[in-house]
Amino acid sequence: MEKATFGTGCFWCTEAMFESLDGVSEAVSGYEGGTKANPTYKEVCTGTTGHAECVEVTYDPRKVTYAELLQAFFRSHDPTSLNRQGADVGTQYRSVIFYHNDEQKQLAETVKKELNESGAYDKPIVTEISPASTFYVAEDYHQSYFANNPEQGYCAFVIAPKLDKFRKVFKDKLKSSELSSH
């Protein structure tokens, strides 16, 4: 098993998407890239700790490759929006890839460059590519948030439509339980 860490703004959305992929054994919401040890959600939300809301993904590279995870990452949010995703604004919502080794770094940089050169987006990609640092697991109530709170307003009106779209695009990469439940 290997690790990959991504920040796409709200970690509730990111976690739900990556958890649906076959080969992903775990997606944990947390904070990375900041200066304060053991930050709380309230502290990270101030934007003063330097952390990004992100998800640490544990995956089996024989079932889902890092390149496929990068594809899911770039398709799951707006990588051209600096420090903002939807109504969420601040550095804690930045688009970021925290690489765990040189291979991940090189692949992330290559994919970002290719997407920019291809014109896939109307604006340049601003995704930060940084070395992985200490990952701090978010509070328990953030874990599996969408699965545990599907009727909550944000989940029903923001996450559910994004997840439905994601599942359509990545239908050949979903866990069989995801296919049968939707």
Protein backbone atom coordinates (compact mmCIF):
# COMPACT_ATOMS: atom_id res chain seq x y z
CA MET A 1 0.00 0.00 0.00
CA GLU A 2 1.12 3.53 -0.75
CA LYS A 3 0.06 7.00 0.38
CA ALA A 4 -1.01 10.07 -1.57
CA THR A 5 -2.16 13.40 -0.12
CA PHE A 6 -4.40 15.89 -1.89
CA GLY A 7 -6.11 19.16 -1.00
CA THR A 8 -9.03 20.28 -3.16
CA GLY A 9 -10.76 22.70 -0.81
CA CYS A 10 -13.32 20.96 1.35
CA PHE A 11 -12.00 17.65 2.64
CA TRP A 12 -15.53 16.23 3.03
CA CYS A 13 -15.93 16.20 -0.77
CA THR A 14 -12.42 14.95 -1.43
CA GLU A 15 -12.70 12.10 1.07
CA ALA A 16 -16.02 10.88 -0.38
CA MET A 17 -14.64 10.87 -3.92
CA PHE A 18 -11.39 9.05 -3.21
CA GLU A 19 -13.12 6.51 -0.94
CA SER A 20 -15.32 5.48 -3.88
CA LEU A 21 -12.34 4.38 -6.02
CA ASP A 22 -11.41 0.71 -6.26
CA GLY A 23 -7.93 0.24 -4.82
CA VAL A 24 -8.32 2.97 -2.21
CA SER A 25 -8.44 1.32 1.19
CA GLU A 26 -8.72 4.53 3.20
CA ALA A 27 -9.15 8.26 2.75
CA VAL A 28 -8.61 10.26 5.93
CA SER A 29 -9.50 13.94 6.34
CA GLY A 30 -6.87 16.12 7.93
CA TYR A 31 -4.50 19.05 7.74
CA GLU A 32 -1.05 19.39 6.20
CA GLY A 33 1.41 22.02 5.09
CA GLY A 34 1.24 24.39 8.03
CA THR A 35 3.37 25.52 10.92
CA LYS A 36 1.30 24.69 14.02
CA ALA A 37 1.54 21.22 15.55
CA ASN A 38 -1.76 19.41 16.09
CA PRO A 39 -4.03 22.15 14.72
CA THR A 40 -7.75 22.04 15.33
CA TYR A 41 -10.41 22.62 12.69
CA LYS A 42 -11.24 25.95 14.29
CA GLU A 43 -7.58 27.02 14.08
CA VAL A 44 -7.16 25.86 10.48
CA CYS A 45 -10.35 27.70 9.48
CA THR A 46 -8.77 31.00 10.54
CA GLY A 47 -6.24 30.59 7.73
CA THR A 48 -3.39 31.51 10.07
CA THR A 49 -1.83 28.07 10.60
CA GLY A 50 -0.74 27.56 6.99
CA HIS A 51 -2.41 24.16 6.77
CA ALA A 52 -4.60 22.98 3.92
CA GLU A 53 -7.68 20.85 4.39
CA CYS A 54 -6.62 17.66 2.68
CA VAL A 55 -7.10 13.93 2.46
CA GLU A 56 -4.45 11.29 2.96
CA VAL A 57 -5.25 8.38 0.65
CA THR A 58 -3.96 4.85 1.26
CA TYR A 59 -4.11 2.90 -1.98
CA ASP A 60 -3.01 -0.28 -3.73
CA PRO A 61 -1.00 0.77 -6.82
CA ARG A 62 -1.83 -2.58 -8.48
CA LYS A 63 -5.51 -1.55 -8.52
CA VAL A 64 -5.34 2.23 -8.91
CA THR A 65 -2.21 4.05 -10.04
CA TYR A 66 -0.93 7.38 -8.79
CA ALA A 67 -1.56 8.75 -12.30
CA GLU A 68 -5.23 7.73 -11.96
CA LEU A 69 -5.41 9.39 -8.53
CA LEU A 70 -3.99 12.56 -10.10
CA GLN A 71 -6.64 12.38 -12.82
CA ALA A 72 -9.33 12.10 -10.12
CA PHE A 73 -7.73 14.98 -8.20
CA PHE A 74 -7.68 17.36 -11.18
CA ARG A 75 -11.21 16.42 -12.26
CA SER A 76 -12.72 16.79 -8.78
CA HIS A 77 -12.17 20.53 -8.24
CA ASP A 78 -11.11 23.78 -9.91
CA PRO A 79 -7.28 23.74 -9.91
CA THR A 80 -7.19 27.24 -11.44
CA SER A 81 -8.77 28.95 -8.44
CA LEU A 82 -6.16 30.32 -6.03
CA ASN A 83 -7.00 29.72 -2.36
CA ARG A 84 -10.68 29.24 -3.11
CA GLN A 85 -13.16 26.49 -3.88
CA GLY A 86 -16.73 27.65 -4.27
CA ALA A 87 -17.76 29.69 -1.25
CA ASP A 88 -14.71 28.53 0.75
CA VAL A 89 -11.96 31.16 0.65
CA GLY A 90 -8.48 31.10 2.23
CA THR A 91 -5.15 29.30 1.98
CA GLN A 92 -6.66 26.39 3.91
CA TYR A 93 -8.77 25.68 0.78
CA ARG A 94 -5.89 25.77 -1.70
CA SER A 95 -5.40 23.22 -4.44
CA VAL A 96 -2.38 21.21 -3.36
CA ILE A 97 -0.60 17.92 -3.96
CA PHE A 98 1.69 16.78 -1.14
CA TYR A 99 4.06 14.27 -2.76
CA HIS A 100 5.56 11.38 -0.77
CA ASN A 101 8.47 10.54 -3.10
CA ASP A 102 10.32 11.79 -6.19
CA GLU A 103 8.18 9.68 -8.53
CA GLN A 104 4.98 11.32 -7.23
CA LYS A 105 6.60 14.77 -7.51
CA GLN A 106 7.70 14.22 -11.10
CA LEU A 107 4.35 12.77 -12.15
CA ALA A 108 2.38 15.59 -10.50
CA GLU A 109 4.57 18.24 -12.18
CA THR A 110 4.29 16.49 -15.56
CA VAL A 111 0.49 16.18 -15.37
CA LYS A 112 0.12 19.82 -14.28
CA LYS A 113 2.37 20.97 -17.15
CA GLU A 114 0.55 18.81 -19.72
CA LEU A 115 -2.87 20.05 -18.56
CA ASN A 116 -1.70 23.67 -18.76
CA GLU A 117 -0.21 23.19 -22.22
CA SER A 118 -3.28 21.33 -23.51
CA GLY A 119 -5.62 24.19 -22.71
CA ALA A 120 -7.80 21.86 -20.65
CA TYR A 121 -8.62 24.86 -18.45
CA ASP A 122 -9.31 28.46 -19.44
CA LYS A 123 -6.86 29.75 -16.81
CA PRO A 124 -3.45 28.49 -15.61
CA ILE A 125 -3.45 25.73 -12.98
CA VAL A 126 -2.37 27.13 -9.61
CA THR A 127 -2.10 23.79 -7.81
CA GLU A 128 0.75 23.82 -5.31
CA ILE A 129 3.07 20.78 -5.45
CA SER A 130 4.93 20.41 -2.16
CA PRO A 131 6.74 17.68 -0.23
CA ALA A 132 4.58 15.81 2.23
CA SER A 133 5.08 16.96 5.79
CA THR A 134 3.29 15.99 8.98
CA PHE A 135 -0.31 15.00 8.32
CA TYR A 136 -2.63 15.78 11.22
CA VAL A 137 -5.82 13.72 11.31
CA ALA A 138 -8.91 15.93 11.59
CA GLU A 139 -11.37 15.55 14.43
CA ASP A 140 -13.51 12.37 14.41
CA TYR A 141 -16.68 14.15 13.29
CA HIS A 142 -14.95 15.09 9.99
CA GLN A 143 -14.16 11.47 9.10
CA SER A 144 -16.59 9.88 6.62
CA TYR A 145 -18.60 13.08 6.97
CA PHE A 146 -20.63 12.66 3.79
CA ALA A 147 -21.40 8.99 4.51
CA ASN A 148 -22.52 9.86 8.04
CA ASN A 149 -24.47 13.03 7.15
CA PRO A 150 -25.97 12.62 3.65
CA GLU A 151 -29.07 14.69 4.50
CA GLN A 152 -27.12 17.64 5.94
CA GLY A 153 -27.57 20.68 3.67
CA TYR A 154 -24.00 21.01 2.40
CA CYS A 155 -23.82 17.26 1.79
CA ALA A 156 -27.15 17.10 -0.04
CA PHE A 157 -26.75 20.22 -2.17
CA VAL A 158 -22.99 20.46 -2.77
CA ILE A 159 -21.27 17.12 -2.18
CA ALA A 160 -23.94 14.75 -3.56
CA PRO A 161 -24.08 16.39 -7.03
CA LYS A 162 -20.26 16.55 -7.23
CA LEU A 163 -20.01 12.91 -6.17
CA ASP A 164 -22.64 11.83 -8.72
CA LYS A 165 -20.70 13.59 -11.50
CA PHE A 166 -17.42 12.08 -10.27
CA ARG A 167 -18.95 8.57 -10.25
CA LYS A 168 -20.11 8.99 -13.86
CA VAL A 169 -16.67 10.08 -15.03
CA PHE A 170 -14.82 7.37 -13.08
CA LYS A 171 -17.42 4.58 -13.32
CA ASP A 172 -14.83 2.06 -14.56
CA LYS A 173 -12.67 2.77 -11.47
CA LEU A 174 -15.33 2.56 -8.74
CA LYS A 175 -15.55 -0.08 -6.04
CA SER A 176 -18.25 -2.64 -6.83
CA SER A 177 -20.19 -1.48 -3.75
CA GLU A 178 -20.33 2.01 -5.26
CA LEU A 179 -21.68 0.69 -8.55
CA SER A 180 -24.43 -1.36 -6.92
CA SER A 181 -25.56 1.41 -4.58
CA HIS A 182 -26.03 4.06 -7.28
